[in-house]
């Protein structure tokens, strides 16, 4: 039987911007997008020092090894997962579920009752499994491709 991983979450610092950017590109690239498609997301996948300062950005660690990161944007009526990236070699190890539960607890501690995420189409199954409901879809930068917006109630 596999041991349940023990993860730690630490706030990112502005010095982590390149690490987080590299993670976002490497993780998004795992789905075999073309170079032209990846170039469409350069701005969104670039994590700047100011972005880290303006949002809640957490590094995910297994023991002391960096495995990925996520970022939360605090809105008036809900909290939004703006980034949630695991390095490709760290997927399918249970890290996503553990991290998502930490995100929900963080939202709850911040007194939010609603959590939202624009889902990368390749991870829709994950957000469905986590209990999300699709509330809307939005066309992505790739014509004819849509992003589902999932909403979660926080108890």
N, C-alpha and C. Protein backbone atom coordinates (compact mmCIF):
# COMPACT_ATOMS: atom_id res chain seq x y z
N UNK A 1 0.85 -1.18 0.00
CA UNK A 1 0.00 0.00 0.00
C UNK A 1 0.89 1.25 0.00
N UNK A 2 0.52 2.22 -0.80
CA UNK A 2 1.31 3.46 -0.89
C UNK A 2 1.08 4.33 0.33
N UNK A 3 2.14 4.97 0.78
CA UNK A 3 2.01 5.93 1.87
C UNK A 3 1.38 7.19 1.33
N UNK A 4 0.57 7.83 2.17
CA UNK A 4 -0.02 9.11 1.79
C UNK A 4 1.08 10.15 1.89
N UNK A 5 1.29 10.92 0.83
CA UNK A 5 2.37 11.92 0.89
C UNK A 5 2.06 13.00 1.92
N UNK A 6 3.10 13.52 2.51
CA UNK A 6 2.99 14.64 3.44
C UNK A 6 3.53 15.86 2.68
N UNK A 7 2.67 16.80 2.45
CA UNK A 7 3.08 18.01 1.73
C UNK A 7 3.15 19.19 2.68
N UNK A 8 4.01 20.12 2.34
CA UNK A 8 4.10 21.39 3.03
C UNK A 8 3.83 22.48 2.01
N UNK A 9 3.27 23.56 2.49
CA UNK A 9 2.94 24.69 1.63
C UNK A 9 3.59 25.92 2.23
N UNK A 10 4.39 26.61 1.43
CA UNK A 10 5.03 27.82 1.94
C UNK A 10 4.80 28.96 0.95
N UNK A 11 4.58 30.13 1.52
CA UNK A 11 4.37 31.31 0.67
C UNK A 11 5.60 31.54 -0.20
N UNK A 12 5.34 31.80 -1.48
CA UNK A 12 6.43 32.09 -2.41
C UNK A 12 6.95 33.50 -2.13
N UNK A 13 8.21 33.70 -2.46
CA UNK A 13 8.79 35.05 -2.36
C UNK A 13 9.03 35.55 -3.79
N UNK A 14 9.31 36.82 -3.89
CA UNK A 14 9.56 37.39 -5.22
C UNK A 14 10.75 36.71 -5.90
N UNK A 15 11.67 36.17 -5.12
CA UNK A 15 12.82 35.45 -5.69
C UNK A 15 12.43 34.15 -6.38
N UNK A 16 11.19 33.70 -6.17
CA UNK A 16 10.73 32.45 -6.76
C UNK A 16 10.10 32.63 -8.15
N UNK A 17 10.05 33.85 -8.65
CA UNK A 17 9.31 34.10 -9.90
C UNK A 17 9.79 33.25 -11.07
N UNK A 18 11.08 33.07 -11.25
CA UNK A 18 11.58 32.26 -12.37
C UNK A 18 11.24 30.79 -12.18
N UNK A 19 11.40 30.27 -10.97
CA UNK A 19 11.04 28.88 -10.67
C UNK A 19 9.57 28.62 -10.99
N UNK A 20 8.70 29.51 -10.57
CA UNK A 20 7.27 29.34 -10.79
C UNK A 20 6.92 29.46 -12.27
N UNK A 21 7.53 30.40 -12.95
CA UNK A 21 7.32 30.54 -14.39
C UNK A 21 7.75 29.28 -15.12
N UNK A 22 8.94 28.78 -14.80
CA UNK A 22 9.43 27.55 -15.43
C UNK A 22 8.47 26.38 -15.17
N UNK A 23 7.94 26.31 -13.96
CA UNK A 23 7.00 25.25 -13.60
C UNK A 23 5.74 25.35 -14.43
N UNK A 24 5.20 26.55 -14.56
CA UNK A 24 3.96 26.74 -15.32
C UNK A 24 4.15 26.32 -16.78
N UNK A 25 5.25 26.75 -17.39
CA UNK A 25 5.50 26.38 -18.79
C UNK A 25 5.73 24.88 -18.95
N UNK A 26 6.51 24.30 -18.06
CA UNK A 26 6.80 22.87 -18.16
C UNK A 26 5.53 22.05 -17.95
N UNK A 27 4.71 22.46 -17.00
CA UNK A 27 3.48 21.73 -16.70
C UNK A 27 2.46 21.85 -17.82
N UNK A 28 2.27 23.04 -18.34
CA UNK A 28 1.34 23.25 -19.45
C UNK A 28 1.84 22.50 -20.69
N UNK A 29 3.15 22.49 -20.89
CA UNK A 29 3.73 21.83 -22.05
C UNK A 29 3.58 20.32 -22.04
N UNK A 30 3.27 19.76 -20.89
CA UNK A 30 3.11 18.30 -20.80
C UNK A 30 1.98 17.79 -21.69
N UNK A 31 1.05 18.66 -22.04
CA UNK A 31 -0.10 18.25 -22.85
C UNK A 31 0.15 18.41 -24.34
N UNK A 32 1.39 18.54 -24.73
CA UNK A 32 1.78 18.54 -26.14
C UNK A 32 1.15 19.65 -26.97
N UNK A 33 1.02 20.82 -26.37
CA UNK A 33 0.60 21.98 -27.16
C UNK A 33 1.74 22.33 -28.11
N UNK A 34 1.40 22.93 -29.23
CA UNK A 34 2.44 23.37 -30.17
C UNK A 34 3.16 24.59 -29.61
N UNK A 35 4.31 24.91 -30.19
CA UNK A 35 5.04 26.12 -29.76
C UNK A 35 4.18 27.36 -29.96
N UNK A 36 3.44 27.40 -31.07
CA UNK A 36 2.58 28.55 -31.35
C UNK A 36 1.50 28.68 -30.28
N UNK A 37 0.92 27.56 -29.87
CA UNK A 37 -0.11 27.60 -28.83
C UNK A 37 0.50 28.03 -27.50
N UNK A 38 1.65 27.48 -27.15
CA UNK A 38 2.29 27.86 -25.89
C UNK A 38 2.60 29.35 -25.87
N UNK A 39 3.00 29.89 -27.02
CA UNK A 39 3.31 31.31 -27.10
C UNK A 39 2.09 32.18 -26.79
N UNK A 40 0.89 31.67 -27.07
CA UNK A 40 -0.34 32.41 -26.76
C UNK A 40 -0.48 32.69 -25.27
N UNK A 41 0.09 31.82 -24.46
CA UNK A 41 -0.07 31.92 -23.00
C UNK A 41 1.15 32.49 -22.29
N UNK A 42 2.08 33.07 -23.02
CA UNK A 42 3.30 33.57 -22.39
C UNK A 42 3.01 34.51 -21.23
N UNK A 43 2.13 35.49 -21.43
CA UNK A 43 1.83 36.44 -20.35
C UNK A 43 1.19 35.76 -19.15
N UNK A 44 0.24 34.86 -19.41
CA UNK A 44 -0.47 34.20 -18.32
C UNK A 44 0.43 33.25 -17.54
N UNK A 45 1.40 32.64 -18.20
CA UNK A 45 2.26 31.66 -17.54
C UNK A 45 3.51 32.27 -16.92
N UNK A 46 3.74 33.56 -17.16
CA UNK A 46 4.89 34.24 -16.58
C UNK A 46 4.49 34.80 -15.22
N UNK A 47 5.16 34.31 -14.20
CA UNK A 47 4.85 34.72 -12.83
C UNK A 47 5.86 35.79 -12.42
N UNK A 48 5.39 37.01 -12.34
CA UNK A 48 6.28 38.13 -12.03
C UNK A 48 6.42 38.33 -10.52
N UNK A 49 7.43 39.09 -10.14
CA UNK A 49 7.62 39.43 -8.73
C UNK A 49 6.41 40.18 -8.20
N UNK A 50 5.87 41.10 -9.02
CA UNK A 50 4.71 41.87 -8.55
C UNK A 50 3.48 40.97 -8.41
N UNK A 51 3.32 39.99 -9.29
CA UNK A 51 2.19 39.05 -9.17
C UNK A 51 2.27 38.32 -7.83
N UNK A 52 3.48 37.87 -7.47
CA UNK A 52 3.66 37.17 -6.21
C UNK A 52 3.32 38.08 -5.04
N UNK A 53 3.69 39.34 -5.14
CA UNK A 53 3.41 40.29 -4.07
C UNK A 53 1.95 40.65 -3.94
N UNK A 54 1.20 40.57 -5.03
CA UNK A 54 -0.20 41.00 -5.03
C UNK A 54 -1.19 39.88 -4.74
N UNK A 55 -0.75 38.61 -4.77
CA UNK A 55 -1.65 37.47 -4.62
C UNK A 55 -1.10 36.50 -3.59
N UNK A 56 -1.89 35.51 -3.25
CA UNK A 56 -1.43 34.45 -2.34
C UNK A 56 -0.86 33.33 -3.21
N UNK A 57 0.46 33.23 -3.24
CA UNK A 57 1.14 32.25 -4.08
C UNK A 57 1.92 31.32 -3.15
N UNK A 58 1.65 30.02 -3.29
CA UNK A 58 2.26 29.02 -2.42
C UNK A 58 3.08 28.03 -3.24
N UNK A 59 4.26 27.71 -2.73
CA UNK A 59 5.04 26.61 -3.27
C UNK A 59 4.57 25.34 -2.56
N UNK A 60 4.59 24.23 -3.29
CA UNK A 60 4.20 22.93 -2.76
C UNK A 60 5.47 22.11 -2.62
N UNK A 61 5.68 21.57 -1.41
CA UNK A 61 6.89 20.80 -1.13
C UNK A 61 6.54 19.42 -0.60
N UNK A 62 7.23 18.41 -1.10
CA UNK A 62 7.16 17.05 -0.59
C UNK A 62 8.49 16.82 0.11
N UNK A 63 8.44 16.68 1.44
CA UNK A 63 9.65 16.77 2.25
C UNK A 63 10.23 18.15 1.98
N UNK A 64 11.42 18.26 1.48
CA UNK A 64 11.96 19.59 1.16
C UNK A 64 12.08 19.77 -0.35
N UNK A 65 11.51 18.85 -1.11
CA UNK A 65 11.58 18.91 -2.57
C UNK A 65 10.41 19.70 -3.13
N UNK A 66 10.72 20.66 -3.97
CA UNK A 66 9.70 21.46 -4.65
C UNK A 66 8.98 20.60 -5.68
N UNK A 67 7.64 20.61 -5.64
CA UNK A 67 6.87 19.79 -6.59
C UNK A 67 5.91 20.61 -7.44
N UNK A 68 5.65 21.88 -7.07
CA UNK A 68 4.74 22.70 -7.85
C UNK A 68 4.32 23.94 -7.06
N UNK A 69 3.28 24.60 -7.55
CA UNK A 69 2.79 25.80 -6.88
C UNK A 69 1.34 26.05 -7.25
N UNK A 70 0.71 26.91 -6.46
CA UNK A 70 -0.62 27.41 -6.82
C UNK A 70 -0.71 28.86 -6.40
N UNK A 71 -1.66 29.57 -7.00
CA UNK A 71 -1.88 30.98 -6.69
C UNK A 71 -3.37 31.23 -6.53
N UNK A 72 -3.70 32.03 -5.54
CA UNK A 72 -5.09 32.39 -5.27
C UNK A 72 -5.26 33.89 -5.42
N UNK A 73 -6.37 34.28 -6.04
CA UNK A 73 -6.73 35.69 -6.15
C UNK A 73 -7.98 35.90 -5.30
N UNK A 74 -7.90 36.86 -4.40
CA UNK A 74 -9.02 37.15 -3.51
C UNK A 74 -9.94 38.16 -4.19
N UNK A 75 -11.15 37.72 -4.48
CA UNK A 75 -12.15 38.58 -5.10
C UNK A 75 -13.16 38.99 -4.02
N UNK A 76 -14.15 39.83 -4.40
CA UNK A 76 -15.15 40.26 -3.43
C UNK A 76 -15.99 39.09 -2.91
N UNK A 77 -16.53 38.29 -3.83
CA UNK A 77 -17.49 37.27 -3.43
C UNK A 77 -16.95 35.85 -3.48
N UNK A 78 -15.76 35.66 -4.02
CA UNK A 78 -15.19 34.32 -4.11
C UNK A 78 -13.67 34.41 -4.18
N UNK A 79 -13.04 33.28 -3.98
CA UNK A 79 -11.60 33.16 -4.13
C UNK A 79 -11.35 32.35 -5.39
N UNK A 80 -10.37 32.75 -6.18
CA UNK A 80 -10.13 32.08 -7.46
C UNK A 80 -8.75 31.44 -7.47
N UNK A 81 -8.72 30.17 -7.92
CA UNK A 81 -7.43 29.52 -8.17
C UNK A 81 -6.98 30.03 -9.53
N UNK A 82 -5.93 30.81 -9.55
CA UNK A 82 -5.44 31.39 -10.80
C UNK A 82 -4.38 30.50 -11.44
N UNK A 83 -3.60 29.81 -10.62
CA UNK A 83 -2.59 28.85 -11.09
C UNK A 83 -2.63 27.65 -10.16
N UNK A 84 -2.43 26.48 -10.74
CA UNK A 84 -2.28 25.25 -9.95
C UNK A 84 -1.49 24.30 -10.82
N UNK A 85 -0.17 24.28 -10.61
CA UNK A 85 0.72 23.51 -11.47
C UNK A 85 1.60 22.57 -10.65
N UNK A 86 1.60 21.33 -11.03
CA UNK A 86 2.56 20.36 -10.49
C UNK A 86 3.54 20.03 -11.60
N UNK A 87 4.81 19.91 -11.25
CA UNK A 87 5.77 19.47 -12.25
C UNK A 87 5.32 18.11 -12.79
N UNK A 88 5.48 17.87 -14.09
CA UNK A 88 4.95 16.64 -14.70
C UNK A 88 5.32 15.35 -13.97
N UNK A 89 6.52 15.29 -13.42
CA UNK A 89 6.93 14.07 -12.73
C UNK A 89 6.24 13.91 -11.37
N UNK A 90 5.47 14.91 -10.96
CA UNK A 90 4.79 14.86 -9.67
C UNK A 90 3.28 14.72 -9.78
N UNK A 91 2.79 14.37 -10.97
CA UNK A 91 1.36 14.15 -11.12
C UNK A 91 1.05 12.68 -10.80
N UNK A 92 -0.20 12.45 -10.52
CA UNK A 92 -0.71 11.10 -10.24
C UNK A 92 -0.04 10.46 -9.03
N UNK A 93 0.28 11.30 -8.05
CA UNK A 93 0.87 10.82 -6.79
C UNK A 93 -0.02 11.18 -5.60
N UNK A 94 -1.18 11.77 -5.87
CA UNK A 94 -2.06 12.23 -4.80
C UNK A 94 -1.81 13.66 -4.37
N UNK A 95 -0.81 14.32 -4.97
CA UNK A 95 -0.48 15.68 -4.59
C UNK A 95 -1.61 16.66 -4.92
N UNK A 96 -2.28 16.44 -6.04
CA UNK A 96 -3.34 17.36 -6.46
C UNK A 96 -4.47 17.41 -5.45
N UNK A 97 -4.93 16.24 -5.00
CA UNK A 97 -6.03 16.18 -4.05
C UNK A 97 -5.63 16.80 -2.71
N UNK A 98 -4.43 16.48 -2.22
CA UNK A 98 -3.97 17.05 -0.95
C UNK A 98 -3.88 18.56 -1.06
N UNK A 99 -3.32 19.04 -2.16
CA UNK A 99 -3.19 20.49 -2.35
C UNK A 99 -4.55 21.15 -2.47
N UNK A 100 -5.46 20.52 -3.21
CA UNK A 100 -6.79 21.11 -3.37
C UNK A 100 -7.49 21.22 -2.02
N UNK A 101 -7.36 20.21 -1.18
CA UNK A 101 -7.96 20.29 0.15
C UNK A 101 -7.34 21.40 0.97
N UNK A 102 -6.04 21.63 0.83
CA UNK A 102 -5.38 22.75 1.50
C UNK A 102 -5.93 24.08 0.97
N UNK A 103 -6.14 24.17 -0.33
CA UNK A 103 -6.70 25.39 -0.93
C UNK A 103 -8.09 25.66 -0.34
N UNK A 104 -8.91 24.63 -0.23
CA UNK A 104 -10.25 24.81 0.35
C UNK A 104 -10.17 25.27 1.80
N UNK A 105 -9.26 24.68 2.58
CA UNK A 105 -9.11 25.11 3.98
C UNK A 105 -8.62 26.56 4.05
N UNK A 106 -7.73 26.93 3.14
CA UNK A 106 -7.24 28.31 3.09
C UNK A 106 -8.38 29.27 2.79
N UNK A 107 -9.21 28.92 1.81
CA UNK A 107 -10.37 29.76 1.47
C UNK A 107 -11.29 29.91 2.68
N UNK A 108 -11.50 28.80 3.38
CA UNK A 108 -12.36 28.83 4.56
C UNK A 108 -11.77 29.72 5.65
N UNK A 109 -10.47 29.61 5.88
CA UNK A 109 -9.81 30.45 6.90
C UNK A 109 -9.92 31.93 6.54
N UNK A 110 -9.98 32.22 5.25
CA UNK A 110 -10.10 33.61 4.79
C UNK A 110 -11.56 34.05 4.69
N UNK A 111 -12.46 33.21 5.20
CA UNK A 111 -13.91 33.49 5.26
C UNK A 111 -14.60 33.54 3.91
N UNK A 112 -14.09 32.77 2.95
CA UNK A 112 -14.77 32.65 1.66
C UNK A 112 -15.66 31.42 1.69
N UNK A 113 -16.80 31.53 1.01
CA UNK A 113 -17.72 30.40 0.91
C UNK A 113 -17.73 29.79 -0.49
N UNK A 114 -17.08 30.49 -1.45
CA UNK A 114 -17.07 30.03 -2.84
C UNK A 114 -15.65 30.08 -3.38
N UNK A 115 -15.29 29.01 -4.06
CA UNK A 115 -13.98 28.87 -4.72
C UNK A 115 -14.26 28.63 -6.19
N UNK A 116 -13.53 29.31 -7.07
CA UNK A 116 -13.70 29.14 -8.52
C UNK A 116 -12.37 28.89 -9.19
N UNK A 117 -12.45 28.22 -10.35
CA UNK A 117 -11.26 27.99 -11.16
C UNK A 117 -11.67 27.88 -12.63
N UNK A 118 -10.86 28.50 -13.51
CA UNK A 118 -10.97 28.28 -14.95
C UNK A 118 -10.11 27.07 -15.23
N UNK A 119 -10.72 25.99 -15.66
CA UNK A 119 -10.01 24.73 -15.77
C UNK A 119 -9.33 24.52 -17.11
N UNK A 120 -8.06 24.15 -17.05
CA UNK A 120 -7.35 23.62 -18.22
C UNK A 120 -8.17 22.40 -18.65
N UNK A 121 -8.56 22.29 -19.93
CA UNK A 121 -9.42 21.17 -20.35
C UNK A 121 -8.89 19.78 -19.97
N UNK A 122 -7.59 19.62 -19.92
CA UNK A 122 -7.03 18.31 -19.59
C UNK A 122 -7.22 17.93 -18.12
N UNK A 123 -7.63 18.88 -17.28
CA UNK A 123 -7.83 18.55 -15.87
C UNK A 123 -9.28 18.70 -15.42
N UNK A 124 -10.20 18.79 -16.37
CA UNK A 124 -11.62 18.87 -16.00
C UNK A 124 -12.03 17.70 -15.11
N UNK A 125 -11.53 16.50 -15.42
CA UNK A 125 -11.88 15.32 -14.62
C UNK A 125 -11.47 15.49 -13.16
N UNK A 126 -10.33 16.10 -12.93
CA UNK A 126 -9.87 16.33 -11.56
C UNK A 126 -10.85 17.23 -10.82
N UNK A 127 -11.23 18.36 -11.42
CA UNK A 127 -12.12 19.29 -10.72
C UNK A 127 -13.51 18.69 -10.54
N UNK A 128 -13.96 17.88 -11.47
CA UNK A 128 -15.23 17.17 -11.28
C UNK A 128 -15.12 16.22 -10.09
N UNK A 129 -14.02 15.48 -10.03
CA UNK A 129 -13.79 14.54 -8.94
C UNK A 129 -13.72 15.26 -7.59
N UNK A 130 -13.23 16.49 -7.58
CA UNK A 130 -13.14 17.27 -6.35
C UNK A 130 -14.49 17.87 -5.94
N UNK A 131 -15.53 17.62 -6.75
CA UNK A 131 -16.88 18.07 -6.40
C UNK A 131 -17.30 19.39 -7.00
N UNK A 132 -16.56 19.88 -7.99
CA UNK A 132 -16.91 21.15 -8.61
C UNK A 132 -18.10 21.04 -9.55
N UNK A 133 -18.80 22.15 -9.67
CA UNK A 133 -19.92 22.25 -10.61
C UNK A 133 -19.55 23.26 -11.68
N UNK A 134 -19.77 22.90 -12.93
CA UNK A 134 -19.49 23.84 -14.03
C UNK A 134 -20.58 24.91 -14.02
N UNK A 135 -20.16 26.16 -13.91
CA UNK A 135 -21.13 27.26 -13.89
C UNK A 135 -21.12 28.06 -15.18
N UNK A 136 -20.07 27.87 -15.99
CA UNK A 136 -19.96 28.65 -17.22
C UNK A 136 -18.80 28.08 -18.03
N UNK A 137 -18.77 28.39 -19.31
CA UNK A 137 -17.63 28.06 -20.16
C UNK A 137 -17.21 29.33 -20.89
N UNK A 138 -15.93 29.42 -21.17
CA UNK A 138 -15.40 30.61 -21.84
C UNK A 138 -14.46 30.15 -22.94
N UNK A 139 -14.56 30.76 -24.12
CA UNK A 139 -13.65 30.39 -25.20
C UNK A 139 -12.23 30.78 -24.83
N UNK A 140 -11.31 29.89 -25.10
CA UNK A 140 -9.91 30.14 -24.79
C UNK A 140 -9.25 30.88 -25.95
N UNK A 141 -7.94 31.06 -25.85
CA UNK A 141 -7.20 31.73 -26.92
C UNK A 141 -7.09 30.86 -28.17
N UNK A 142 -7.40 29.59 -28.04
CA UNK A 142 -7.43 28.69 -29.20
C UNK A 142 -8.88 28.63 -29.66
N UNK A 143 -9.14 29.11 -30.86
CA UNK A 143 -10.50 29.19 -31.38
C UNK A 143 -11.17 27.82 -31.34
N UNK A 144 -12.41 27.80 -30.84
CA UNK A 144 -13.18 26.58 -30.77
C UNK A 144 -12.89 25.73 -29.54
N UNK A 145 -12.00 26.19 -28.68
CA UNK A 145 -11.64 25.45 -27.46
C UNK A 145 -12.17 26.25 -26.28
N UNK A 146 -12.82 25.56 -25.36
CA UNK A 146 -13.46 26.25 -24.24
C UNK A 146 -12.90 25.81 -22.90
N UNK A 147 -12.87 26.76 -21.99
CA UNK A 147 -12.46 26.49 -20.61
C UNK A 147 -13.72 26.44 -19.75
N UNK A 148 -13.88 25.38 -18.98
CA UNK A 148 -14.99 25.29 -18.05
C UNK A 148 -14.61 26.03 -16.78
N UNK A 149 -15.57 26.75 -16.23
CA UNK A 149 -15.37 27.44 -14.96
C UNK A 149 -16.10 26.61 -13.91
N UNK A 150 -15.31 26.11 -12.97
CA UNK A 150 -15.86 25.29 -11.90
C UNK A 150 -16.03 26.13 -10.64
N UNK A 151 -17.09 25.81 -9.92
CA UNK A 151 -17.33 26.47 -8.64
C UNK A 151 -17.48 25.41 -7.55
N UNK A 152 -16.93 25.72 -6.39
CA UNK A 152 -16.98 24.82 -5.23
C UNK A 152 -17.53 25.60 -4.07
N UNK A 153 -18.45 24.98 -3.33
CA UNK A 153 -18.93 25.59 -2.10
C UNK A 153 -18.00 25.18 -0.99
N UNK A 154 -17.62 26.14 -0.15
CA UNK A 154 -16.72 25.89 0.97
C UNK A 154 -17.55 25.84 2.24
N UNK A 155 -17.41 24.78 2.98
CA UNK A 155 -18.18 24.63 4.23
C UNK A 155 -17.29 24.77 5.44
